């Protein structure tokens, strides 16, 4: 398992975002050298956890629990075949493009060491949005992405440091539950009856997903 690229985006004006200033950093390109990764601060205040990367709409993106976004090269390859077009590293707006790692099959709370020092923890899957659809330029993209159910993973930074393309990725902790990124994604998008199962992941889960699961259980119990 290894890191193929670290991808960075710059704030760019586009016609397909809900940001008040019409800007997005979703168009990410591989960095040439090492990049520092660190916790950016709470959502709404902190942006990207990857130095030099723009997260423009901090209402919905960025913050400690969405500090880094990872996508498996294998999933990009599958989409390449379906869409009939090449997808470079970073095409889905991911910060990390990985090889040999089942990103959407990762457990919530699973921890990865990248290179000699950085440790990241899986929190949730990525929910597709209008900006993502506009960036890809594919019809019905949000629905198609949700139906595939391989959203990639958001991660929080446990141990900061520098990473670079080619670094090994090692799973250093796997929690004792069965809540994967793919399961969490289905629960909060298309199969809400799965929400109670998310509670097994506890505080490792993205706070917004944890709140949805608790609200669902409380409502059902009532």
C-alpha atoms as a PDB file:
ATOM      1  CA  UNK A   1       0.000   0.000   0.000  1.00  0.00           C
ATOM      2  CA  UNK A   2       1.380   3.365  -0.929  1.00  0.00           C
ATOM      3  CA  UNK A   3       0.611   6.985  -1.577  1.00  0.00           C
ATOM      4  CA  UNK A   4       0.633   7.777  -5.287  1.00  0.00           C
ATOM      5  CA  UNK A   5       0.191  11.541  -4.992  1.00  0.00           C
ATOM      6  CA  UNK A   6      -0.656  14.438  -2.688  1.00  0.00           C
ATOM      7  CA  UNK A   7      -3.016  16.764  -4.531  1.00  0.00           C
ATOM      8  CA  UNK A   8      -3.504  20.471  -3.931  1.00  0.00           C
ATOM      9  CA  UNK A   9      -6.113  22.903  -5.218  1.00  0.00           C
ATOM     10  CA  UNK A  10      -6.115  26.654  -5.660  1.00  0.00           C
ATOM     11  CA  UNK A  11      -9.161  28.866  -5.248  1.00  0.00           C
ATOM     12  CA  UNK A  12     -10.698  29.249  -8.704  1.00  0.00           C
ATOM     13  CA  UNK A  13     -13.802  31.087  -9.877  1.00  0.00           C
ATOM     14  CA  UNK A  14     -16.310  28.700 -11.499  1.00  0.00           C
ATOM     15  CA  UNK A  15     -20.011  28.873 -12.464  1.00  0.00           C
ATOM     16  CA  UNK A  16     -21.035  25.688 -10.624  1.00  0.00           C
ATOM     17  CA  UNK A  17     -20.510  26.319  -6.922  1.00  0.00           C
ATOM     18  CA  UNK A  18     -22.792  27.616  -4.168  1.00  0.00           C
ATOM     19  CA  UNK A  19     -19.951  29.520  -2.523  1.00  0.00           C
ATOM     20  CA  UNK A  20     -20.973  33.177  -2.125  1.00  0.00           C
ATOM     21  CA  UNK A  21     -17.880  34.303  -4.057  1.00  0.00           C
ATOM     22  CA  UNK A  22     -18.208  31.580  -6.701  1.00  0.00           C
ATOM     23  CA  UNK A  23     -14.859  29.976  -5.862  1.00  0.00           C
ATOM     24  CA  UNK A  24     -13.770  26.386  -5.244  1.00  0.00           C
ATOM     25  CA  UNK A  25     -10.547  24.463  -4.670  1.00  0.00           C
ATOM     26  CA  UNK A  26     -11.866  21.152  -6.020  1.00  0.00           C
ATOM     27  CA  UNK A  27      -9.528  21.118  -9.040  1.00  0.00           C
ATOM     28  CA  UNK A  28      -6.546  19.493  -7.340  1.00  0.00           C
ATOM     29  CA  UNK A  29      -3.199  18.650  -8.942  1.00  0.00           C
ATOM     30  CA  UNK A  30      -0.290  16.505  -7.668  1.00  0.00           C
ATOM     31  CA  UNK A  31       2.369  18.324  -5.635  1.00  0.00           C
ATOM     32  CA  UNK A  32       6.002  18.035  -6.678  1.00  0.00           C
ATOM     33  CA  UNK A  33       7.584  17.569  -3.256  1.00  0.00           C
ATOM     34  CA  UNK A  34       6.822  16.899   0.396  1.00  0.00           C
ATOM     35  CA  UNK A  35       3.686  18.447   1.877  1.00  0.00           C
ATOM     36  CA  UNK A  36       2.904  19.111   5.531  1.00  0.00           C
ATOM     37  CA  UNK A  37      -0.289  17.714   7.012  1.00  0.00           C
ATOM     38  CA  UNK A  38      -1.785  19.031  10.274  1.00  0.00           C
ATOM     39  CA  UNK A  39      -5.150  19.519  11.983  1.00  0.00           C
ATOM     40  CA  UNK A  40      -6.646  22.740  10.560  1.00  0.00           C
ATOM     41  CA  UNK A  41      -9.093  23.594  13.361  1.00  0.00           C
ATOM     42  CA  UNK A  42     -12.854  23.168  13.811  1.00  0.00           C
ATOM     43  CA  UNK A  43     -15.228  23.052  10.846  1.00  0.00           C
ATOM     44  CA  UNK A  44     -16.343  26.508   9.858  1.00  0.00           C
ATOM     45  CA  UNK A  45     -13.008  27.933  10.968  1.00  0.00           C
ATOM     46  CA  UNK A  46     -10.368  25.461   9.786  1.00  0.00           C
ATOM     47  CA  UNK A  47     -10.027  24.631   6.117  1.00  0.00           C
ATOM     48  CA  UNK A  48      -7.742  21.962   4.639  1.00  0.00           C
ATOM     49  CA  UNK A  49      -5.335  19.928   6.724  1.00  0.00           C
ATOM     50  CA  UNK A  50      -2.956  19.816   3.762  1.00  0.00           C
ATOM     51  CA  UNK A  51      -0.584  22.775   3.451  1.00  0.00           C
ATOM     52  CA  UNK A  52      -1.047  24.733   0.240  1.00  0.00           C
ATOM     53  CA  UNK A  53      -4.502  23.294  -0.458  1.00  0.00           C
ATOM     54  CA  UNK A  54      -7.539  25.568  -0.784  1.00  0.00           C
ATOM     55  CA  UNK A  55     -10.856  24.677   0.837  1.00  0.00           C
ATOM     56  CA  UNK A  56     -13.129  27.593   0.020  1.00  0.00           C
ATOM     57  CA  UNK A  57     -16.555  26.687   1.359  1.00  0.00           C
ATOM     58  CA  UNK A  58     -15.837  25.996   5.013  1.00  0.00           C
ATOM     59  CA  UNK A  59     -19.568  25.759   5.715  1.00  0.00           C
ATOM     60  CA  UNK A  60     -19.529  22.259   4.263  1.00  0.00           C
ATOM     61  CA  UNK A  61     -15.893  21.286   3.811  1.00  0.00           C
ATOM     62  CA  UNK A  62     -12.674  21.174   5.780  1.00  0.00           C
ATOM     63  CA  UNK A  63     -12.123  21.277   9.513  1.00  0.00           C
ATOM     64  CA  UNK A  64     -10.533  18.742  11.824  1.00  0.00           C
ATOM     65  CA  UNK A  65     -12.916  15.891  10.971  1.00  0.00           C
ATOM     66  CA  UNK A  66     -12.574  16.458   7.223  1.00  0.00           C
ATOM     67  CA  UNK A  67      -8.958  17.553   7.217  1.00  0.00           C
ATOM     68  CA  UNK A  68      -7.824  15.229   4.424  1.00  0.00           C
ATOM     69  CA  UNK A  69      -9.749  13.431   1.672  1.00  0.00           C
ATOM     70  CA  UNK A  70      -8.435  10.151   0.234  1.00  0.00           C
ATOM     71  CA  UNK A  71      -9.496   8.223  -2.855  1.00  0.00           C
ATOM     72  CA  UNK A  72      -8.260   4.841  -4.088  1.00  0.00           C
ATOM     73  CA  UNK A  73      -6.653   4.778  -7.519  1.00  0.00           C
ATOM     74  CA  UNK A  74      -8.540   1.537  -8.055  1.00  0.00           C
ATOM     75  CA  UNK A  75     -11.859   3.390  -7.736  1.00  0.00           C
ATOM     76  CA  UNK A  76     -10.700   6.079 -10.149  1.00  0.00           C
ATOM     77  CA  UNK A  77      -9.734   3.321 -12.605  1.00  0.00           C
ATOM     78  CA  UNK A  78     -13.212   1.799 -12.335  1.00  0.00           C
ATOM     79  CA  UNK A  79     -14.766   5.172 -13.088  1.00  0.00           C
ATOM     80  CA  UNK A  80     -12.380   5.651 -16.012  1.00  0.00           C
ATOM     81  CA  UNK A  81     -13.778   2.493 -17.583  1.00  0.00           C
ATOM     82  CA  UNK A  82     -17.366   3.577 -17.001  1.00  0.00           C
ATOM     83  CA  UNK A  83     -16.945   7.172 -18.141  1.00  0.00           C
ATOM     84  CA  UNK A  84     -14.622   6.381 -21.042  1.00  0.00           C
ATOM     85  CA  UNK A  85     -12.164   9.134 -20.169  1.00  0.00           C
ATOM     86  CA  UNK A  86      -8.903   9.419 -18.240  1.00  0.00           C
ATOM     87  CA  UNK A  87      -9.010  10.538 -14.609  1.00  0.00           C
ATOM     88  CA  UNK A  88      -5.730  11.893 -13.288  1.00  0.00           C
ATOM     89  CA  UNK A  89      -4.726  11.735  -9.633  1.00  0.00           C
ATOM     90  CA  UNK A  90      -6.788  14.397  -7.853  1.00  0.00           C
ATOM     91  CA  UNK A  91      -9.656  14.288 -10.374  1.00  0.00           C
ATOM     92  CA  UNK A  92     -12.255  13.757  -7.648  1.00  0.00           C
ATOM     93  CA  UNK A  93     -10.847  16.595  -5.555  1.00  0.00           C
ATOM     94  CA  UNK A  94      -9.004  14.157  -3.319  1.00  0.00           C
ATOM     95  CA  UNK A  95      -5.884  15.193  -1.412  1.00  0.00           C
ATOM     96  CA  UNK A  96      -4.473  11.680  -1.344  1.00  0.00           C
ATOM     97  CA  UNK A  97      -4.574   9.175  -4.194  1.00  0.00           C
ATOM     98  CA  UNK A  98      -3.646   5.733  -2.862  1.00  0.00           C
ATOM     99  CA  UNK A  99      -2.748   2.343  -4.297  1.00  0.00           C
ATOM    100  CA  UNK A 100      -3.488  -1.061  -2.758  1.00  0.00           C
ATOM    101  CA  UNK A 101      -5.722   0.360  -0.018  1.00  0.00           C
ATOM    102  CA  UNK A 102      -9.473  -0.313   0.195  1.00  0.00           C
ATOM    103  CA  UNK A 103     -10.368   3.245   1.128  1.00  0.00           C
ATOM    104  CA  UNK A 104     -14.170   2.907   1.059  1.00  0.00           C
ATOM    105  CA  UNK A 105     -13.883  -0.411   2.879  1.00  0.00           C
ATOM    106  CA  UNK A 106     -11.855   1.141   5.682  1.00  0.00           C
ATOM    107  CA  UNK A 107     -13.371   1.091   9.164  1.00  0.00           C
ATOM    108  CA  UNK A 108     -14.434   4.297  10.861  1.00  0.00           C
ATOM    109  CA  UNK A 109     -11.665   4.960  13.386  1.00  0.00           C
ATOM    110  CA  UNK A 110      -9.092   3.011  11.388  1.00  0.00           C
ATOM    111  CA  UNK A 111      -5.688   4.665  11.507  1.00  0.00           C
ATOM    112  CA  UNK A 112      -3.118   4.888   8.727  1.00  0.00           C
ATOM    113  CA  UNK A 113       0.545   5.767   9.041  1.00  0.00           C
ATOM    114  CA  UNK A 114       1.815   7.469   5.918  1.00  0.00           C
ATOM    115  CA  UNK A 115       5.575   7.726   5.656  1.00  0.00           C
ATOM    116  CA  UNK A 116       7.616   7.707   8.859  1.00  0.00           C
ATOM    117  CA  UNK A 117       5.466   9.967  11.044  1.00  0.00           C
ATOM    118  CA  UNK A 118       2.013  11.067   9.879  1.00  0.00           C
ATOM    119  CA  UNK A 119      -1.005   9.219  11.315  1.00  0.00           C
ATOM    120  CA  UNK A 120      -4.515   9.823   9.991  1.00  0.00           C
ATOM    121  CA  UNK A 121      -7.858   8.490  11.268  1.00  0.00           C
ATOM    122  CA  UNK A 122     -10.865   7.624   9.080  1.00  0.00           C
ATOM    123  CA  UNK A 123     -14.037   9.567   9.980  1.00  0.00           C
ATOM    124  CA  UNK A 124     -16.567   9.283   7.129  1.00  0.00           C
ATOM    125  CA  UNK A 125     -17.247   9.095   3.431  1.00  0.00           C
ATOM    126  CA  UNK A 126     -17.499  12.053   1.080  1.00  0.00           C
ATOM    127  CA  UNK A 127     -21.023  13.271   0.223  1.00  0.00           C
ATOM    128  CA  UNK A 128     -21.242  14.428  -3.421  1.00  0.00           C
ATOM    129  CA  UNK A 129     -22.414  17.960  -4.122  1.00  0.00           C
ATOM    130  CA  UNK A 130     -23.260  20.338  -6.960  1.00  0.00           C
ATOM    131  CA  UNK A 131     -19.675  21.561  -7.145  1.00  0.00           C
ATOM    132  CA  UNK A 132     -18.411  17.999  -7.579  1.00  0.00           C
ATOM    133  CA  UNK A 133     -20.925  17.413 -10.382  1.00  0.00           C
ATOM    134  CA  UNK A 134     -19.973  20.644 -12.119  1.00  0.00           C
ATOM    135  CA  UNK A 135     -16.281  19.831 -11.834  1.00  0.00           C
ATOM    136  CA  UNK A 136     -16.712  16.393 -13.417  1.00  0.00           C
ATOM    137  CA  UNK A 137     -19.189  17.622 -16.018  1.00  0.00           C
ATOM    138  CA  UNK A 138     -21.053  14.326 -16.018  1.00  0.00           C
ATOM    139  CA  UNK A 139     -24.889  14.160 -16.184  1.00  0.00           C
ATOM    140  CA  UNK A 140     -26.644  12.902 -13.046  1.00  0.00           C
ATOM    141  CA  UNK A 141     -23.241  12.628 -11.387  1.00  0.00           C
ATOM    142  CA  UNK A 142     -24.411  13.018  -7.788  1.00  0.00           C
ATOM    143  CA  UNK A 143     -26.908  10.162  -8.166  1.00  0.00           C
ATOM    144  CA  UNK A 144     -24.417   7.936  -9.982  1.00  0.00           C
ATOM    145  CA  UNK A 145     -21.735   8.531  -7.376  1.00  0.00           C
ATOM    146  CA  UNK A 146     -24.150   7.676  -4.563  1.00  0.00           C
ATOM    147  CA  UNK A 147     -25.320   4.531  -6.324  1.00  0.00           C
ATOM    148  CA  UNK A 148     -21.724   3.294  -6.692  1.00  0.00           C
ATOM    149  CA  UNK A 149     -21.250   3.651  -2.935  1.00  0.00           C
ATOM    150  CA  UNK A 150     -17.455   4.001  -3.008  1.00  0.00           C
ATOM    151  CA  UNK A 151     -17.072   7.571  -1.760  1.00  0.00           C
ATOM    152  CA  UNK A 152     -13.476   7.636  -0.563  1.00  0.00           C
ATOM    153  CA  UNK A 153     -12.693   8.672   2.997  1.00  0.00           C
ATOM    154  CA  UNK A 154     -12.332  11.814   5.030  1.00  0.00           C
ATOM    155  CA  UNK A 155      -9.641  11.667   7.691  1.00  0.00           C
ATOM    156  CA  UNK A 156      -8.595  13.631  10.758  1.00  0.00           C
ATOM    157  CA  UNK A 157      -4.929  14.229  11.584  1.00  0.00           C
ATOM    158  CA  UNK A 158      -3.736  12.350  14.683  1.00  0.00           C
ATOM    159  CA  UNK A 159      -0.004  12.902  14.236  1.00  0.00           C
ATOM    160  CA  UNK A 160       1.077  15.782  11.948  1.00  0.00           C
ATOM    161  CA  UNK A 161       4.118  15.843   9.718  1.00  0.00           C
ATOM    162  CA  UNK A 162       5.281  15.690   6.126  1.00  0.00           C
ATOM    163  CA  UNK A 163       4.243  13.192   3.475  1.00  0.00           C
ATOM    164  CA  UNK A 164       5.266  12.753  -0.135  1.00  0.00           C
ATOM    165  CA  UNK A 165       4.321  10.718  -3.187  1.00  0.00           C
ATOM    166  CA  UNK A 166       5.652   7.168  -2.914  1.00  0.00           C
ATOM    167  CA  UNK A 167       5.374   6.977   0.879  1.00  0.00           C
ATOM    168  CA  UNK A 168       4.197   3.614   2.227  1.00  0.00           C
ATOM    169  CA  UNK A 169       0.752   3.484   3.839  1.00  0.00           C
ATOM    170  CA  UNK A 170       0.355   1.150   6.819  1.00  0.00           C
ATOM    171  CA  UNK A 171      -2.831   0.362   8.728  1.00  0.00           C
ATOM    172  CA  UNK A 172      -1.712   0.703  12.346  1.00  0.00           C
ATOM    173  CA  UNK A 173      -5.099   0.348  14.072  1.00  0.00           C
ATOM    174  CA  UNK A 174      -8.377  -1.336  13.182  1.00  0.00           C
ATOM    175  CA  UNK A 175     -11.237  -0.876  15.667  1.00  0.00           C
ATOM    176  CA  UNK A 176     -13.391  -3.771  16.876  1.00  0.00           C
ATOM    177  CA  UNK A 177     -16.583  -2.961  14.950  1.00  0.00           C
ATOM    178  CA  UNK A 178     -17.838  -3.420  11.390  1.00  0.00           C
ATOM    179  CA  UNK A 179     -18.747   0.158  10.459  1.00  0.00           C
ATOM    180  CA  UNK A 180     -16.996   0.877   7.183  1.00  0.00           C
ATOM    181  CA  UNK A 181     -16.859   4.102   5.212  1.00  0.00           C
ATOM    182  CA  UNK A 182     -19.177   2.526   2.638  1.00  0.00           C
ATOM    183  CA  UNK A 183     -21.707   1.598   5.336  1.00  0.00           C
ATOM    184  CA  UNK A 184     -21.600   5.081   6.857  1.00  0.00           C
ATOM    185  CA  UNK A 185     -22.082   6.604   3.409  1.00  0.00           C
ATOM    186  CA  UNK A 186     -25.135   4.469   2.648  1.00  0.00           C
ATOM    187  CA  UNK A 187     -26.612   5.197   6.066  1.00  0.00           C
ATOM    188  CA  UNK A 188     -26.486   8.971   5.657  1.00  0.00           C
ATOM    189  CA  UNK A 189     -27.545   9.016   1.988  1.00  0.00           C
ATOM    190  CA  UNK A 190     -29.709   6.229   0.575  1.00  0.00           C
ATOM    191  CA  UNK A 191     -30.371   3.734   3.406  1.00  0.00           C
ATOM    192  CA  UNK A 192     -31.224   5.633   6.568  1.00  0.00           C
ATOM    193  CA  UNK A 193     -32.422   2.479   8.312  1.00  0.00           C
ATOM    194  CA  UNK A 194     -28.714   1.665   8.663  1.00  0.00           C
ATOM    195  CA  UNK A 195     -28.092   4.699  10.878  1.00  0.00           C
ATOM    196  CA  UNK A 196     -28.350   2.780  14.193  1.00  0.00           C
ATOM    197  CA  UNK A 197     -25.431   0.590  13.135  1.00  0.00           C
ATOM    198  CA  UNK A 198     -23.179   3.640  13.010  1.00  0.00           C
ATOM    199  CA  UNK A 199     -23.316   4.021  16.783  1.00  0.00           C
ATOM    200  CA  UNK A 200     -20.880   1.110  17.129  1.00  0.00           C
ATOM    201  CA  UNK A 201     -18.147   3.408  15.790  1.00  0.00           C
ATOM    202  CA  UNK A 202     -18.649   5.843  18.682  1.00  0.00           C
ATOM    203  CA  UNK A 203     -16.730   9.085  18.871  1.00  0.00           C
ATOM    204  CA  UNK A 204     -14.433   8.102  15.995  1.00  0.00           C
ATOM    205  CA  UNK A 205     -17.341   8.796  13.652  1.00  0.00           C
ATOM    206  CA  UNK A 206     -17.666  12.235  12.081  1.00  0.00           C
ATOM    207  CA  UNK A 207     -19.716  14.275  14.597  1.00  0.00           C
ATOM    208  CA  UNK A 208     -22.422  15.099  12.053  1.00  0.00           C
ATOM    209  CA  UNK A 209     -22.973  11.427  11.222  1.00  0.00           C
ATOM    210  CA  UNK A 210     -22.946  10.508  14.898  1.00  0.00           C
ATOM    211  CA  UNK A 211     -25.606  13.138  15.589  1.00  0.00           C
ATOM    212  CA  UNK A 212     -27.778  11.829  12.738  1.00  0.00           C
ATOM    213  CA  UNK A 213     -27.504   8.281  14.056  1.00  0.00           C
ATOM    214  CA  UNK A 214     -28.424   9.320  17.601  1.00  0.00           C
ATOM    215  CA  UNK A 215     -31.369  11.419  16.410  1.00  0.00           C
ATOM    216  CA  UNK A 216     -32.671   8.551  14.290  1.00  0.00           C
ATOM    217  CA  UNK A 217     -32.453   6.108  17.184  1.00  0.00           C
ATOM    218  CA  UNK A 218     -34.153   8.529  19.563  1.00  0.00           C
ATOM    219  CA  UNK A 219     -36.937   9.200  17.091  1.00  0.00           C
ATOM    220  CA  UNK A 220     -37.449   5.506  16.374  1.00  0.00           C
ATOM    221  CA  UNK A 221     -37.484   4.654  20.083  1.00  0.00           C
ATOM    222  CA  UNK A 222     -40.060   7.334  20.675  1.00  0.00           C
END
